[in-house]
N, C-alpha and C. Protein backbone atom coordinates (compact mmCIF):
# COMPACT_ATOMS: atom_id res chain seq x y z
N MET A 1 69.14 -14.49 -187.36
CA MET A 1 69.71 -13.69 -186.20
C MET A 1 68.96 -13.70 -185.17
N ASP A 2 69.53 -13.78 -183.90
CA ASP A 2 69.27 -14.19 -182.76
C ASP A 2 69.50 -12.76 -182.09
N VAL A 3 68.41 -12.22 -181.65
CA VAL A 3 68.62 -10.95 -180.53
C VAL A 3 68.08 -11.43 -179.10
N SER A 4 68.10 -12.69 -178.86
CA SER A 4 67.46 -12.94 -177.76
C SER A 4 68.21 -12.39 -176.65
N ARG A 5 67.57 -12.22 -175.20
CA ARG A 5 68.22 -12.04 -174.01
C ARG A 5 68.95 -10.78 -174.08
N ASN A 6 68.15 -9.53 -174.42
CA ASN A 6 68.85 -8.35 -174.54
C ASN A 6 67.70 -7.29 -173.96
N GLN A 7 66.76 -7.50 -173.27
CA GLN A 7 65.87 -6.53 -172.62
C GLN A 7 65.51 -5.50 -173.67
N LEU A 8 65.18 -5.99 -175.17
CA LEU A 8 64.69 -4.86 -175.97
C LEU A 8 63.10 -4.94 -175.70
N THR A 9 62.52 -3.40 -175.69
CA THR A 9 60.98 -3.42 -175.71
C THR A 9 60.57 -3.40 -177.20
N SER A 10 61.36 -3.13 -178.15
CA SER A 10 60.81 -3.50 -179.35
C SER A 10 61.98 -3.89 -180.10
N LEU A 11 61.82 -4.34 -181.69
CA LEU A 11 62.78 -4.87 -182.37
C LEU A 11 63.47 -3.61 -182.98
N PRO A 12 64.73 -3.64 -183.26
CA PRO A 12 65.32 -2.60 -184.46
C PRO A 12 64.93 -2.57 -185.62
N THR A 13 64.19 -1.44 -185.87
CA THR A 13 63.79 -1.44 -187.35
C THR A 13 64.62 -1.59 -188.35
N GLY A 14 65.75 -1.74 -188.10
CA GLY A 14 66.86 -1.96 -189.24
C GLY A 14 66.62 -3.52 -189.60
N ILE A 15 66.09 -4.05 -188.73
CA ILE A 15 65.73 -5.68 -189.40
C ILE A 15 64.79 -5.43 -190.37
N LEU A 16 63.90 -4.62 -190.53
CA LEU A 16 62.79 -4.41 -191.66
C LEU A 16 63.58 -4.30 -192.95
N HIS A 17 64.77 -3.90 -192.93
CA HIS A 17 65.61 -3.88 -194.08
C HIS A 17 66.64 -5.23 -194.43
N LEU A 18 66.35 -6.08 -194.14
CA LEU A 18 66.90 -7.25 -194.13
C LEU A 18 66.22 -8.23 -195.10
N PRO A 19 66.07 -8.20 -196.47
CA PRO A 19 65.29 -8.70 -197.29
C PRO A 19 65.71 -10.47 -197.48
N LYS A 20 66.94 -10.68 -197.15
CA LYS A 20 67.05 -12.09 -197.20
C LYS A 20 66.92 -12.99 -195.59
N LEU A 21 66.83 -12.01 -194.77
CA LEU A 21 66.47 -12.84 -193.26
C LEU A 21 65.42 -13.79 -193.31
N GLN A 22 66.03 -15.02 -193.01
CA GLN A 22 64.91 -16.02 -193.05
C GLN A 22 64.57 -16.72 -191.56
N LYS A 23 65.44 -16.49 -190.61
CA LYS A 23 65.26 -16.96 -189.24
C LYS A 23 65.23 -15.67 -188.31
N LEU A 24 64.59 -15.48 -187.32
CA LEU A 24 64.41 -14.27 -186.39
C LEU A 24 64.26 -15.00 -185.15
N LYS A 25 65.06 -14.70 -184.15
CA LYS A 25 64.90 -15.34 -182.91
C LYS A 25 65.10 -13.92 -181.85
N ALA A 26 63.91 -13.61 -181.19
CA ALA A 26 63.72 -12.63 -180.44
C ALA A 26 63.27 -12.89 -178.86
N SER A 27 63.53 -14.07 -178.44
CA SER A 27 63.13 -14.39 -177.35
C SER A 27 63.59 -13.92 -175.92
N ASN A 28 62.78 -13.96 -174.92
CA ASN A 28 63.47 -13.53 -173.77
C ASN A 28 64.18 -12.27 -173.63
N ASN A 29 63.28 -11.34 -174.10
CA ASN A 29 63.34 -9.58 -173.85
C ASN A 29 62.22 -9.21 -173.16
N LEU A 30 62.17 -8.04 -173.54
CA LEU A 30 61.11 -7.31 -172.87
C LEU A 30 59.94 -6.70 -173.79
N LEU A 31 60.02 -7.26 -175.17
CA LEU A 31 59.17 -6.74 -176.08
C LEU A 31 57.67 -6.70 -175.64
N ASP A 32 57.06 -5.47 -175.96
CA ASP A 32 55.53 -5.20 -175.64
C ASP A 32 55.15 -4.75 -176.95
N ARG A 33 55.82 -4.83 -178.13
CA ARG A 33 55.49 -4.41 -179.35
C ARG A 33 56.78 -5.04 -180.33
N LEU A 34 56.32 -5.47 -181.50
CA LEU A 34 57.31 -5.86 -182.20
C LEU A 34 58.25 -5.04 -182.84
N PHE A 35 57.71 -3.96 -183.29
CA PHE A 35 58.56 -2.87 -183.87
C PHE A 35 58.00 -1.59 -183.40
N ASP A 36 58.55 -0.35 -183.27
CA ASP A 36 58.17 0.80 -183.13
C ASP A 36 57.46 1.33 -184.44
N GLU A 37 55.98 1.12 -184.22
CA GLU A 37 55.22 0.91 -185.47
C GLU A 37 55.30 2.66 -185.93
N GLU A 38 55.50 3.66 -185.33
CA GLU A 38 55.46 5.11 -185.93
C GLU A 38 56.99 5.09 -186.90
N LYS A 39 58.02 4.40 -186.45
CA LYS A 39 59.32 4.24 -187.18
C LYS A 39 59.15 3.30 -188.38
N ALA A 40 58.45 2.09 -188.29
CA ALA A 40 58.32 1.00 -189.06
C ALA A 40 57.21 1.13 -190.10
N THR A 41 57.71 1.72 -191.50
CA THR A 41 56.65 2.02 -192.46
C THR A 41 56.81 1.05 -193.59
N ASN A 42 57.98 0.35 -193.78
CA ASN A 42 58.14 -0.64 -194.63
C ASN A 42 58.75 -2.16 -194.22
N TRP A 43 57.31 -2.87 -194.07
CA TRP A 43 57.50 -4.10 -193.38
C TRP A 43 57.80 -5.25 -194.63
N ILE A 44 57.82 -4.84 -195.84
CA ILE A 44 57.82 -5.62 -196.94
C ILE A 44 59.47 -6.41 -196.82
N GLY A 45 60.20 -5.94 -196.27
CA GLY A 45 61.52 -6.23 -196.25
C GLY A 45 61.89 -7.33 -195.47
N LEU A 46 60.59 -8.24 -194.63
CA LEU A 46 60.69 -9.64 -194.15
C LEU A 46 60.18 -10.53 -195.05
N ARG A 47 59.85 -10.33 -196.08
CA ARG A 47 58.90 -11.62 -197.11
C ARG A 47 59.79 -12.78 -197.11
N LYS A 48 60.95 -13.04 -196.76
CA LYS A 48 61.62 -14.19 -196.98
C LYS A 48 61.66 -14.96 -195.31
N LEU A 49 61.24 -14.23 -194.46
CA LEU A 49 61.06 -14.87 -193.17
C LEU A 49 60.36 -16.17 -192.77
N SER A 50 60.90 -17.03 -192.55
CA SER A 50 60.40 -18.32 -192.43
C SER A 50 59.96 -18.92 -191.15
N GLU A 51 60.89 -18.52 -190.19
CA GLU A 51 60.79 -18.65 -188.91
C GLU A 51 60.91 -17.17 -187.89
N ILE A 52 60.06 -17.43 -186.75
CA ILE A 52 60.02 -16.23 -186.10
C ILE A 52 59.51 -16.93 -184.37
N ASP A 53 60.67 -16.37 -183.68
CA ASP A 53 60.18 -16.80 -182.11
C ASP A 53 60.64 -15.77 -181.43
N VAL A 54 59.22 -15.18 -180.85
CA VAL A 54 59.42 -13.79 -179.94
C VAL A 54 58.66 -14.43 -178.53
N SER A 55 59.29 -15.60 -178.24
CA SER A 55 58.62 -16.21 -176.87
C SER A 55 59.22 -15.57 -175.88
N ASP A 56 58.18 -15.82 -174.69
CA ASP A 56 58.67 -15.13 -173.28
C ASP A 56 58.88 -13.81 -173.49
N ASN A 57 58.11 -12.91 -173.99
CA ASN A 57 58.25 -11.27 -174.09
C ASN A 57 56.73 -11.07 -173.22
N ARG A 58 56.68 -9.60 -173.44
CA ARG A 58 55.41 -9.27 -172.99
C ARG A 58 54.20 -8.80 -173.83
N LEU A 59 54.49 -9.26 -175.18
CA LEU A 59 53.54 -9.06 -176.16
C LEU A 59 52.08 -9.03 -175.94
N GLU A 60 51.14 -8.24 -176.37
CA GLU A 60 49.89 -8.47 -175.88
C GLU A 60 48.99 -8.56 -177.33
N ILE A 61 49.63 -8.12 -178.67
CA ILE A 61 49.17 -8.44 -179.84
C ILE A 61 50.35 -8.83 -180.89
N LEU A 62 50.04 -9.51 -181.78
CA LEU A 62 50.98 -9.63 -182.89
C LEU A 62 50.06 -8.80 -184.04
N PRO A 63 50.67 -8.03 -184.38
CA PRO A 63 50.14 -6.89 -185.37
C PRO A 63 49.67 -7.68 -186.90
N THR A 64 48.62 -7.61 -187.41
CA THR A 64 48.15 -8.50 -188.45
C THR A 64 48.51 -7.59 -189.53
N SER A 65 48.85 -6.44 -189.59
CA SER A 65 49.51 -5.78 -190.54
C SER A 65 50.95 -6.15 -190.91
N LEU A 66 51.79 -6.46 -189.93
CA LEU A 66 53.05 -7.00 -189.97
C LEU A 66 52.99 -8.41 -190.37
N LEU A 67 52.24 -9.29 -189.51
CA LEU A 67 52.27 -10.58 -190.15
C LEU A 67 51.83 -10.95 -191.47
N HIS A 68 50.90 -10.31 -191.90
CA HIS A 68 50.51 -10.65 -193.45
C HIS A 68 51.64 -10.42 -194.16
N CYS A 69 52.60 -9.63 -193.96
CA CYS A 69 53.84 -9.55 -194.92
C CYS A 69 54.50 -10.73 -195.11
N PHE A 70 54.32 -11.49 -193.96
CA PHE A 70 55.41 -12.89 -194.14
C PHE A 70 54.79 -14.01 -194.69
N LYS A 71 54.85 -14.07 -196.08
CA LYS A 71 54.29 -14.75 -196.96
C LYS A 71 55.01 -16.21 -196.72
N CYS A 72 56.60 -16.22 -196.30
CA CYS A 72 56.89 -17.52 -196.14
C CYS A 72 57.17 -18.01 -194.89
N LEU A 73 56.27 -17.33 -194.16
CA LEU A 73 56.63 -17.95 -192.64
C LEU A 73 55.76 -19.60 -192.46
N SER A 74 56.82 -20.14 -191.87
CA SER A 74 56.40 -21.64 -191.89
C SER A 74 56.45 -22.11 -190.21
N SER A 75 57.13 -21.24 -189.29
CA SER A 75 56.92 -21.34 -187.99
C SER A 75 56.79 -20.08 -186.98
N LEU A 76 55.90 -20.36 -186.29
CA LEU A 76 55.38 -19.04 -185.34
C LEU A 76 55.55 -19.37 -184.09
N ILE A 77 56.43 -18.76 -183.45
CA ILE A 77 56.48 -19.40 -181.81
C ILE A 77 56.34 -17.64 -180.95
N ALA A 78 55.37 -17.91 -180.40
CA ALA A 78 54.96 -16.74 -179.67
C ALA A 78 54.59 -17.27 -178.07
N ALA A 79 54.94 -18.11 -177.34
CA ALA A 79 54.96 -18.69 -176.22
C ALA A 79 54.97 -17.84 -175.08
N GLY A 80 54.37 -17.77 -173.90
CA GLY A 80 54.90 -17.04 -172.93
C GLY A 80 54.76 -15.56 -172.98
N ASN A 81 53.68 -15.12 -173.61
CA ASN A 81 53.55 -13.55 -173.91
C ASN A 81 52.07 -13.31 -172.77
N ALA A 82 51.62 -12.31 -173.50
CA ALA A 82 50.31 -11.87 -172.94
C ALA A 82 49.33 -11.80 -174.03
N LEU A 83 49.61 -12.46 -175.12
CA LEU A 83 48.63 -12.30 -176.18
C LEU A 83 47.10 -12.73 -175.78
N ARG A 84 46.08 -11.63 -176.08
CA ARG A 84 44.84 -11.84 -175.77
C ARG A 84 44.03 -12.61 -176.75
N CYS A 85 44.55 -12.13 -178.20
CA CYS A 85 43.57 -12.57 -179.39
C CYS A 85 44.63 -13.27 -180.32
N PHE A 86 44.46 -14.01 -180.94
CA PHE A 86 45.32 -14.69 -182.11
C PHE A 86 45.32 -13.86 -183.44
N PRO A 87 46.06 -13.62 -183.89
CA PRO A 87 45.91 -12.88 -185.30
C PRO A 87 45.29 -13.63 -186.24
N GLU A 88 44.48 -12.66 -187.11
CA GLU A 88 43.86 -13.43 -188.18
C GLU A 88 44.61 -14.04 -188.99
N PRO A 89 44.46 -15.21 -189.56
CA PRO A 89 45.48 -15.99 -190.46
C PRO A 89 45.58 -15.49 -191.79
N TRP A 90 46.60 -15.50 -192.51
CA TRP A 90 46.98 -14.99 -193.49
C TRP A 90 47.57 -15.93 -194.34
N ALA A 91 47.88 -15.72 -195.89
CA ALA A 91 48.28 -16.45 -197.07
C ALA A 91 49.56 -17.31 -196.78
N CYS A 92 50.01 -17.99 -196.16
CA CYS A 92 51.52 -18.50 -195.74
C CYS A 92 51.46 -19.90 -195.45
N SER A 93 52.42 -20.67 -195.55
CA SER A 93 52.52 -22.08 -195.40
C SER A 93 52.76 -22.27 -193.80
N LEU A 94 52.06 -21.84 -192.98
CA LEU A 94 52.48 -22.21 -191.51
C LEU A 94 52.28 -23.75 -191.26
N LYS A 95 53.44 -24.23 -190.86
CA LYS A 95 53.65 -25.51 -190.08
C LYS A 95 53.46 -25.79 -188.77
N PHE A 96 54.27 -24.83 -188.21
CA PHE A 96 54.13 -25.07 -186.71
C PHE A 96 54.03 -23.80 -186.02
N CYS A 97 52.98 -23.91 -184.92
CA CYS A 97 52.61 -22.74 -184.35
C CYS A 97 52.43 -22.98 -182.65
N ASN A 98 53.42 -22.22 -181.91
CA ASN A 98 53.26 -22.21 -180.49
C ASN A 98 53.01 -20.73 -179.94
N VAL A 99 51.61 -21.30 -179.43
CA VAL A 99 51.23 -19.81 -178.61
C VAL A 99 50.52 -19.97 -177.40
N SER A 100 51.42 -21.17 -176.76
CA SER A 100 51.17 -21.46 -175.29
C SER A 100 51.49 -20.60 -174.45
N ARG A 101 50.73 -20.52 -173.11
CA ARG A 101 51.17 -19.79 -171.88
C ARG A 101 50.72 -18.44 -172.44
N ASN A 102 49.68 -17.97 -173.02
CA ASN A 102 49.33 -16.66 -173.27
C ASN A 102 47.93 -16.51 -172.38
N SER A 103 47.10 -15.54 -172.91
CA SER A 103 45.81 -15.28 -172.54
C SER A 103 44.58 -15.44 -173.61
N LEU A 104 44.89 -16.14 -174.22
CA LEU A 104 44.11 -16.37 -175.52
C LEU A 104 42.86 -16.91 -175.14
N GLU A 105 41.73 -16.11 -175.67
CA GLU A 105 40.58 -16.64 -175.35
C GLU A 105 39.65 -17.44 -176.35
N SER A 106 40.09 -17.19 -177.62
CA SER A 106 39.34 -17.64 -178.94
C SER A 106 40.36 -17.89 -179.98
N LEU A 107 40.05 -18.57 -180.83
CA LEU A 107 40.92 -18.83 -182.19
C LEU A 107 40.17 -18.28 -183.08
N PRO A 108 40.45 -17.80 -184.25
CA PRO A 108 40.06 -17.30 -185.43
C PRO A 108 39.32 -18.39 -186.04
N ASN A 109 37.81 -18.00 -186.71
CA ASN A 109 37.29 -19.20 -187.42
C ASN A 109 38.11 -19.29 -188.90
N SER A 110 38.91 -18.46 -189.15
CA SER A 110 39.51 -18.54 -190.64
C SER A 110 40.86 -19.37 -190.50
N LEU A 111 41.08 -20.03 -189.46
CA LEU A 111 42.28 -20.86 -189.15
C LEU A 111 42.30 -21.90 -190.09
N CYS A 112 41.24 -22.81 -190.34
CA CYS A 112 41.19 -23.49 -191.42
C CYS A 112 41.44 -23.14 -192.80
N VAL A 113 40.73 -22.05 -193.20
CA VAL A 113 40.57 -21.69 -194.30
C VAL A 113 42.27 -21.53 -194.96
N PHE A 114 43.17 -20.80 -193.93
CA PHE A 114 44.51 -20.54 -194.83
C PHE A 114 45.47 -21.61 -194.42
N TRP A 115 45.42 -22.54 -193.28
CA TRP A 115 46.35 -23.34 -193.21
C TRP A 115 46.00 -24.79 -192.83
N LYS A 116 44.75 -25.25 -193.54
CA LYS A 116 44.45 -26.70 -193.19
C LYS A 116 45.19 -27.42 -194.15
N ASN A 117 45.85 -27.00 -195.03
CA ASN A 117 46.72 -27.94 -195.84
C ASN A 117 48.08 -27.79 -195.27
N TYR A 118 48.45 -27.18 -194.34
CA TYR A 118 49.81 -26.72 -194.17
C TYR A 118 50.18 -27.20 -192.77
N LEU A 119 49.15 -26.67 -191.82
CA LEU A 119 49.57 -26.66 -190.41
C LEU A 119 49.86 -28.14 -189.74
N LYS A 120 51.02 -28.68 -189.20
CA LYS A 120 51.26 -30.02 -188.93
C LYS A 120 51.32 -29.99 -187.27
N GLU A 121 51.83 -28.91 -186.50
CA GLU A 121 52.01 -28.86 -185.17
C GLU A 121 51.51 -27.82 -184.49
N ALA A 122 50.64 -27.69 -183.47
CA ALA A 122 50.09 -26.51 -182.81
C ALA A 122 50.08 -26.66 -181.53
N ASP A 123 50.33 -25.67 -180.57
CA ASP A 123 50.10 -25.79 -179.18
C ASP A 123 49.65 -24.61 -178.84
N PHE A 124 48.23 -24.84 -178.30
CA PHE A 124 47.51 -23.68 -177.63
C PHE A 124 47.11 -23.87 -176.29
N SER A 125 47.96 -24.79 -175.54
CA SER A 125 47.89 -25.24 -174.29
C SER A 125 48.13 -23.81 -173.37
N ASN A 126 47.70 -23.86 -172.08
CA ASN A 126 47.66 -22.85 -170.92
C ASN A 126 47.18 -21.48 -171.49
N ASN A 127 46.19 -21.54 -171.95
CA ASN A 127 45.48 -20.06 -172.57
C ASN A 127 44.06 -20.15 -171.70
N LEU A 128 43.30 -19.37 -172.19
CA LEU A 128 42.08 -19.07 -171.61
C LEU A 128 40.99 -19.66 -172.61
N LEU A 129 41.26 -20.34 -173.55
CA LEU A 129 40.51 -21.08 -174.38
C LEU A 129 39.08 -21.93 -173.91
N LYS A 130 38.16 -21.57 -174.43
CA LYS A 130 36.69 -22.09 -173.86
C LYS A 130 35.85 -22.77 -174.87
N GLU A 131 36.29 -22.59 -176.14
CA GLU A 131 35.58 -23.42 -177.31
C GLU A 131 36.96 -23.30 -178.77
N LEU A 132 36.49 -24.20 -179.63
CA LEU A 132 37.26 -24.25 -180.69
C LEU A 132 36.46 -23.55 -181.86
N PRO A 133 37.20 -22.97 -182.83
CA PRO A 133 36.08 -22.69 -184.18
C PRO A 133 35.43 -23.86 -184.53
N SER A 134 34.18 -23.87 -185.11
CA SER A 134 33.43 -24.96 -185.38
C SER A 134 34.03 -25.86 -186.44
N ASN A 135 34.76 -25.15 -187.22
CA ASN A 135 35.39 -26.05 -188.69
C ASN A 135 36.89 -26.18 -187.91
N PHE A 136 37.46 -26.43 -186.77
CA PHE A 136 38.71 -26.82 -186.29
C PHE A 136 39.20 -28.08 -186.77
N PHE A 137 38.05 -29.03 -186.84
CA PHE A 137 38.74 -30.49 -186.83
C PHE A 137 38.71 -30.81 -188.64
N GLU A 138 38.68 -29.49 -189.45
CA GLU A 138 39.01 -29.78 -190.73
C GLU A 138 40.56 -29.80 -191.01
N LEU A 139 41.22 -29.51 -189.54
CA LEU A 139 42.87 -29.36 -189.92
C LEU A 139 43.35 -30.97 -189.82
N GLN A 140 42.38 -31.79 -189.28
CA GLN A 140 43.03 -33.12 -188.99
C GLN A 140 43.51 -33.97 -190.18
N VAL A 141 43.31 -33.54 -191.42
CA VAL A 141 43.91 -34.21 -192.50
C VAL A 141 45.50 -34.18 -192.50
N PHE A 142 45.98 -33.07 -192.03
CA PHE A 142 47.35 -32.80 -191.96
C PHE A 142 47.94 -32.61 -190.56
N LEU A 143 47.32 -32.02 -189.84
CA LEU A 143 47.94 -31.82 -188.15
C LEU A 143 48.21 -33.22 -187.71
N ARG A 144 49.42 -33.12 -187.25
CA ARG A 144 50.04 -34.31 -186.31
C ARG A 144 49.78 -34.06 -184.93
N THR A 145 50.10 -32.97 -184.33
CA THR A 145 50.06 -32.75 -183.25
C THR A 145 49.46 -31.51 -182.78
N VAL A 146 48.42 -31.51 -181.89
CA VAL A 146 47.77 -30.36 -181.28
C VAL A 146 47.73 -30.45 -179.83
N VAL A 147 47.79 -29.35 -179.13
CA VAL A 147 47.70 -29.50 -177.60
C VAL A 147 46.84 -28.26 -177.11
N PHE A 148 46.21 -28.69 -176.36
CA PHE A 148 45.26 -27.98 -175.36
C PHE A 148 45.05 -28.11 -173.99
N ASP A 149 46.24 -28.55 -173.51
CA ASP A 149 46.48 -28.84 -171.96
C ASP A 149 45.79 -27.59 -171.32
N GLY A 150 45.24 -27.72 -169.98
CA GLY A 150 44.82 -26.65 -169.15
C GLY A 150 43.81 -25.73 -169.79
N HIS A 151 43.06 -26.31 -170.14
CA HIS A 151 41.86 -25.85 -170.88
C HIS A 151 40.46 -26.44 -170.43
N THR A 152 39.42 -25.66 -170.26
CA THR A 152 37.95 -26.19 -170.22
C THR A 152 37.25 -25.77 -171.38
N LEU A 153 37.33 -27.04 -172.14
CA LEU A 153 36.88 -26.50 -173.73
C LEU A 153 35.72 -27.25 -173.91
N TYR A 154 34.62 -26.79 -174.72
CA TYR A 154 33.30 -27.24 -174.87
C TYR A 154 33.43 -27.69 -176.29
N MET A 155 33.18 -28.95 -176.56
CA MET A 155 33.05 -29.47 -178.00
C MET A 155 31.56 -29.37 -178.45
N ASP A 156 31.45 -28.84 -179.72
CA ASP A 156 30.32 -28.63 -180.43
C ASP A 156 29.87 -29.67 -181.08
N GLU A 157 28.71 -30.14 -181.23
CA GLU A 157 28.46 -31.77 -181.88
C GLU A 157 29.34 -32.08 -182.98
N LEU A 158 29.61 -31.13 -183.97
CA LEU A 158 30.17 -31.47 -185.13
C LEU A 158 31.67 -32.06 -184.80
N GLY A 159 32.42 -31.33 -183.72
CA GLY A 159 33.85 -31.87 -183.31
C GLY A 159 33.73 -33.40 -182.78
N ALA A 160 32.79 -33.22 -181.88
CA ALA A 160 32.50 -34.54 -181.07
C ALA A 160 32.08 -35.69 -182.01
N GLU A 161 31.36 -35.41 -183.10
CA GLU A 161 31.10 -36.35 -184.00
C GLU A 161 32.22 -36.88 -185.09
N LEU A 162 32.99 -35.84 -185.29
CA LEU A 162 34.23 -36.16 -186.00
C LEU A 162 35.01 -37.06 -185.42
N LEU A 163 35.30 -36.57 -184.10
CA LEU A 163 36.30 -37.23 -183.29
C LEU A 163 35.71 -38.86 -183.08
N SER A 164 34.74 -39.22 -182.80
CA SER A 164 33.98 -40.28 -182.77
C SER A 164 33.99 -41.26 -184.05
N LYS A 165 33.75 -40.61 -184.90
CA LYS A 165 33.71 -41.30 -186.28
C LYS A 165 35.19 -41.56 -186.97
N SER A 166 36.19 -40.73 -186.72
CA SER A 166 37.55 -40.68 -187.22
C SER A 166 38.53 -40.34 -186.57
N PRO A 167 38.96 -40.95 -185.52
CA PRO A 167 39.92 -40.37 -184.41
C PRO A 167 41.03 -40.24 -185.63
N PRO A 168 41.58 -39.07 -185.22
CA PRO A 168 43.01 -38.77 -185.80
C PRO A 168 44.13 -39.72 -185.64
N THR A 169 45.34 -39.89 -186.39
CA THR A 169 46.33 -40.83 -186.23
C THR A 169 47.41 -39.76 -185.68
N TYR A 170 47.11 -38.41 -185.48
CA TYR A 170 48.11 -37.90 -184.75
C TYR A 170 47.88 -37.65 -183.18
N LEU A 171 48.82 -37.22 -182.27
CA LEU A 171 48.69 -37.07 -181.14
C LEU A 171 47.65 -35.97 -180.89
N PHE A 172 46.49 -36.01 -180.23
CA PHE A 172 45.43 -35.12 -179.85
C PHE A 172 45.50 -35.11 -178.28
N LYS A 173 46.20 -34.10 -177.73
CA LYS A 173 45.87 -33.78 -176.33
C LYS A 173 45.18 -33.02 -175.53
N TYR A 174 43.81 -33.39 -175.20
CA TYR A 174 42.81 -32.43 -174.83
C TYR A 174 42.69 -32.49 -173.44
N ASN A 175 43.29 -32.02 -172.50
CA ASN A 175 43.29 -32.72 -171.15
C ASN A 175 42.98 -31.72 -170.07
N SER A 176 41.62 -31.24 -170.21
CA SER A 176 40.86 -30.22 -169.11
C SER A 176 40.72 -30.98 -167.68
N GLN A 177 40.32 -30.33 -166.85
CA GLN A 177 40.28 -31.05 -165.57
C GLN A 177 38.82 -32.05 -165.41
N HIS A 178 38.19 -31.96 -166.18
CA HIS A 178 36.80 -32.79 -166.36
C HIS A 178 36.62 -33.40 -167.58
N ARG A 179 37.25 -32.87 -168.49
CA ARG A 179 37.12 -33.95 -169.62
C ARG A 179 38.43 -34.34 -170.28
N GLY A 180 38.86 -35.38 -170.52
CA GLY A 180 40.20 -35.46 -170.93
C GLY A 180 40.41 -36.74 -172.09
N TYR A 181 41.01 -36.29 -173.23
CA TYR A 181 41.29 -36.95 -174.31
C TYR A 181 42.85 -36.77 -174.28
N GLU A 182 43.01 -38.43 -174.70
CA GLU A 182 44.71 -38.45 -174.88
C GLU A 182 44.66 -39.33 -176.03
N ASP A 183 45.20 -39.22 -177.09
CA ASP A 183 45.07 -39.92 -178.26
C ASP A 183 46.64 -40.09 -178.89
N LYS A 184 47.14 -41.36 -178.38
CA LYS A 184 48.28 -41.60 -179.11
C LYS A 184 48.58 -42.48 -180.26
N ALA A 185 47.54 -43.44 -180.39
CA ALA A 185 47.51 -44.57 -181.16
C ALA A 185 46.20 -45.06 -181.14
N GLY A 186 45.30 -43.87 -181.65
CA GLY A 186 43.93 -44.06 -181.83
C GLY A 186 43.02 -44.53 -180.85
N GLU A 187 43.46 -44.25 -179.45
CA GLU A 187 42.49 -44.56 -178.54
C GLU A 187 41.99 -43.44 -177.61
N TRP A 188 40.90 -43.41 -177.37
CA TRP A 188 40.14 -42.04 -176.77
C TRP A 188 39.82 -42.64 -175.28
N GLY A 189 39.77 -41.85 -174.42
CA GLY A 189 39.20 -42.10 -173.33
C GLY A 189 38.63 -40.54 -172.84
């Protein structure tokens, strides 16, 4: 279902009653919340949702209570919003995540707990991130692409040690103004 470019401030609650809905695209609206939460009491209807795109809206939060109902979610695109915090990860097989161009200051430590065996591509670029969760590099087994452009990140000793001992085979693009890594073929600089 595509409800993009409709100047919606919240998604119609009728969407919550579409149990077979797998893809929802609601980009380029005026969303400041996903649903009118006072009216939205049954979020269980979206359990089959595998892809959601709410990019280029005005969202400041992604409600955990709603996202945790998305047990089949494999793609989350929420780029170009005003998100201040990343939602606590939940049990789903998320493979693709793009939350670039937001105001995220940190990522939850539980990111690796739920998604370390699934997440393949992640874009955290152009946020306000200053550090990564201490266990972030546990994702390197499956993660092929991760982008952190536009940040001043400080790597803890464990992260730096992991990178020096076993550079990943995926593209790791960490390009802050003073410290830059770009690895496309196992070369670090």
